[in-house]
Protein backbone atom coordinates (compact mmCIF):
# COMPACT_ATOMS: atom_id res chain seq x y z
CA MET A 1 92.22 76.75 116.27
CA LYS A 2 92.76 80.27 115.00
CA ILE A 3 90.10 81.84 112.76
CA ARG A 4 89.10 85.19 111.35
CA ILE A 5 85.61 86.47 110.80
CA VAL A 6 85.80 88.61 107.69
CA LEU A 7 83.91 90.49 105.04
CA LEU A 8 84.73 89.34 101.53
CA PRO A 9 84.85 91.74 98.59
CA ASP A 10 82.80 91.38 95.42
CA LYS A 11 84.41 89.92 92.28
CA LYS A 12 85.40 93.33 90.93
CA LEU A 13 87.24 94.39 94.12
CA THR A 14 88.77 90.92 94.53
CA LYS A 15 90.20 91.17 91.02
CA GLU A 16 91.61 94.67 91.63
CA THR A 17 93.20 93.79 94.99
CA LYS A 18 94.81 90.65 93.55
CA LYS A 19 96.12 92.66 90.61
CA ALA A 20 97.65 95.34 92.87
CA SER A 21 99.13 92.69 95.15
CA GLN A 22 100.67 90.90 92.15
CA LEU A 23 102.17 94.15 90.80
CA ILE A 24 103.82 94.86 94.17
CA PHE A 25 104.99 91.22 94.42
CA ASN A 26 106.59 91.54 90.95
CA LYS A 27 108.56 94.68 91.95
CA VAL A 28 109.69 94.05 95.54
CA LYS A 29 110.14 91.19 97.99
CA THR A 30 106.95 90.45 99.95
CA HIS A 31 105.78 87.85 102.45
CA PHE A 32 102.75 86.98 100.32
CA LYS A 33 100.53 88.04 97.44
CA LEU A 34 96.76 87.75 97.29
CA ASP A 35 95.76 84.54 95.52
CA LEU A 36 93.75 81.37 96.14
CA SER A 37 95.60 80.68 99.40
CA HIS A 38 95.72 84.32 100.54
CA ILE A 39 92.13 85.51 100.23
CA PRO A 40 91.36 89.26 100.02
CA HIS A 41 89.26 90.24 103.05
CA VAL A 42 88.34 92.87 105.63
CA THR A 43 88.93 91.48 109.11
CA ILE A 44 86.10 91.83 111.61
CA ILE A 45 87.76 89.87 114.42
CA ALA A 46 90.37 87.17 114.97
CA LEU A 47 89.60 84.39 117.46
CA ASN A 48 91.49 81.59 119.15
CA LEU A 49 89.02 78.86 119.97
CA ASP A 50 88.41 75.20 120.60
CA GLU A 51 87.34 73.33 117.48
CA ASN A 52 84.24 72.38 119.50
CA ASP A 53 83.23 76.06 119.54
CA LEU A 54 83.25 76.39 115.76
CA LEU A 55 79.62 75.27 115.36
CA GLU A 56 78.52 77.95 117.86
CA ILE A 57 80.48 80.59 115.94
CA ILE A 58 78.83 79.46 112.69
CA LYS A 59 75.38 79.74 114.34
CA SER A 60 76.25 83.27 115.47
CA ILE A 61 77.36 84.27 111.97
CA LYS A 62 74.25 82.77 110.35
CA LYS A 63 72.21 85.38 112.25
CA TYR A 64 73.64 87.99 109.86
CA SER A 65 72.27 86.31 106.71
CA ASN A 66 69.73 89.12 106.30
CA HIS A 67 72.37 91.84 106.53
CA LYS A 68 72.71 94.02 103.45
CA LYS A 69 75.82 94.07 101.31
CA ILE A 70 78.10 96.95 102.27
CA LYS A 71 78.80 99.46 99.54
CA ILE A 72 82.21 101.08 99.81
CA LYS A 73 84.55 103.28 97.83
CA THR A 74 88.30 102.84 97.98
CA SER A 75 90.19 105.91 99.11
CA GLU A 76 93.90 105.39 99.59
CA ALA A 77 96.70 102.93 100.19
CA LYS A 78 98.64 103.16 103.44
CA ILE A 79 101.54 101.32 104.99
CA SER A 80 101.52 100.20 108.62
CA LYS A 81 104.37 100.19 111.13
CA LYS A 82 104.87 96.48 110.41
CA SER A 83 105.17 97.03 106.63
CA PHE A 84 101.66 95.89 105.69
CA ILE A 85 100.21 97.71 102.68
CA GLY A 86 96.46 98.12 102.86
CA MET A 87 93.70 99.62 100.75
CA TYR A 88 91.38 101.79 102.84
CA PHE A 89 87.85 103.04 102.25
CA GLN A 90 86.22 106.49 102.19
CA ASP A 91 83.23 105.79 104.39
CA ASP A 92 83.67 102.75 106.60
CA ASN A 93 80.96 103.42 109.20
CA LEU A 94 78.77 100.49 108.10
CA ILE A 95 81.74 98.13 108.40
CA LYS A 96 82.54 99.47 111.87
CA LYS A 97 78.91 99.12 112.97
CA LEU A 98 78.74 95.50 111.79
CA ARG A 99 82.11 94.82 113.45
CA GLU A 100 80.78 96.14 116.80
CA GLN A 101 77.67 93.95 116.56
CA ILE A 102 79.66 90.82 115.77
CA ILE A 103 82.27 91.47 118.46
CA MET A 104 79.51 91.93 121.06
CA SER A 105 77.78 88.71 119.99
CA LEU A 106 81.05 86.78 120.38
CA SER A 107 82.20 88.37 123.63
CA LYS A 108 82.56 85.06 125.46
CA TYR A 109 85.30 83.83 123.11
CA ASN A 110 89.01 84.54 123.35
CA LYS A 111 89.45 87.54 121.08
CA GLU A 112 92.79 88.51 119.67
CA GLU A 113 93.39 92.23 119.72
CA ILE A 114 92.64 93.90 116.41
CA VAL A 115 95.57 96.22 115.83
CA THR A 116 93.86 98.59 113.44
CA LYS A 117 90.35 99.87 113.93
CA GLN A 118 90.25 101.29 110.42
CA PRO A 119 88.83 98.65 108.05
CA HIS A 120 90.98 97.82 105.02
CA ILE A 121 92.08 95.05 102.70
CA THR A 122 95.73 94.13 103.12
CA LEU A 123 97.41 93.84 99.73
CA THR A 124 100.70 92.41 101.01
CA ARG A 125 103.42 92.71 103.62
CA LEU A 126 106.85 93.92 102.61
CA VAL A 127 109.98 92.01 103.59
CA HIS A 128 112.07 95.22 103.50
CA GLU A 129 110.77 98.54 104.79
CA LYS A 130 112.93 100.35 102.22
CA ASP A 131 110.52 99.16 99.51
CA ALA A 132 107.63 101.14 100.97
CA SER A 133 107.70 104.07 98.54
CA THR A 134 107.91 101.82 95.46
CA SER A 135 105.01 99.72 96.73
CA LEU A 136 102.85 102.70 97.68
CA LYS A 137 103.33 104.18 94.20
CA ILE A 138 101.90 100.98 92.73
CA ALA A 139 99.06 100.85 95.25
CA LYS A 140 98.22 104.53 94.69
CA ASP A 141 97.19 103.61 91.12
CA PHE A 142 94.43 101.43 92.57
CA PRO A 143 91.12 102.47 90.96
CA LYS A 144 89.08 104.74 93.24
CA LYS A 145 85.71 103.19 92.49
CA ASN A 146 82.57 101.98 94.18
CA TYR A 147 82.72 98.37 95.25
CA CYS A 148 80.81 96.05 97.52
CA LEU A 149 81.59 93.73 100.41
CA ASP A 150 79.11 90.99 99.60
CA SER A 151 79.84 88.07 101.95
CA LEU A 152 80.52 87.38 105.60
CA ALA A 153 82.84 84.45 106.23
CA ILE A 154 84.79 82.44 108.75
CA CYS A 155 88.29 81.73 107.50
CA LYS A 156 91.29 79.78 108.68
CA ASP A 157 93.85 82.29 109.93
CA GLY A 158 97.25 82.14 108.28
CA PRO A 159 100.60 83.89 108.68
CA ASN A 160 100.70 87.70 108.44
CA GLY A 161 96.95 88.02 109.12
CA THR A 162 96.00 86.21 105.93
CA CYS A 163 92.95 84.08 105.32
CA THR A 164 94.07 80.78 103.88
CA LYS A 165 90.77 78.90 103.55
CA ILE A 166 87.07 79.72 103.81
CA ILE A 167 85.44 77.51 106.45
CA PHE A 168 81.93 79.00 106.24
CA LYS A 169 80.41 81.78 104.15
CA ILE A 170 77.09 83.57 103.80
CA THR A 171 76.21 85.92 100.96
CA LEU A 172 74.77 89.20 102.16
CA ILE A 173 71.52 90.45 100.60
CA GLY A 174 70.78 93.36 98.29
């Protein structure tokens, strides 16, 4: 079973990321758009595990139920070498700190390498690299506002690093 442990954005950021993803999807060919089956998220870690281990993972995640919501501000859109377009954040130290804690607490499980260490929300993945400039222009109009990552979740991992279903979720405090 392949899962992702993720931070989920608040309603405001979820709405904005889905809107940007839809605008890109309407202009160029993409592998996916953010919607009910492609959930906006910030990946903490991806794991391959036995279904029997899922309850242990849930117990580990429940330990973070007293963690505060993470306030963030979007900074810029970037495109990766594999044509993923992501929205990045100005100050992501709290996300990185939480990521380190969670990764250490799950060290006995088979981790998949996390390609990027810079937290972001993937808006989409382009089918054709030539569409990068058009897509980045759309993503650059993304509102540079304060948002919040307000939940920690375990999701079913889908194609292109997407989260296709929430298996377990806790709302962070504050």
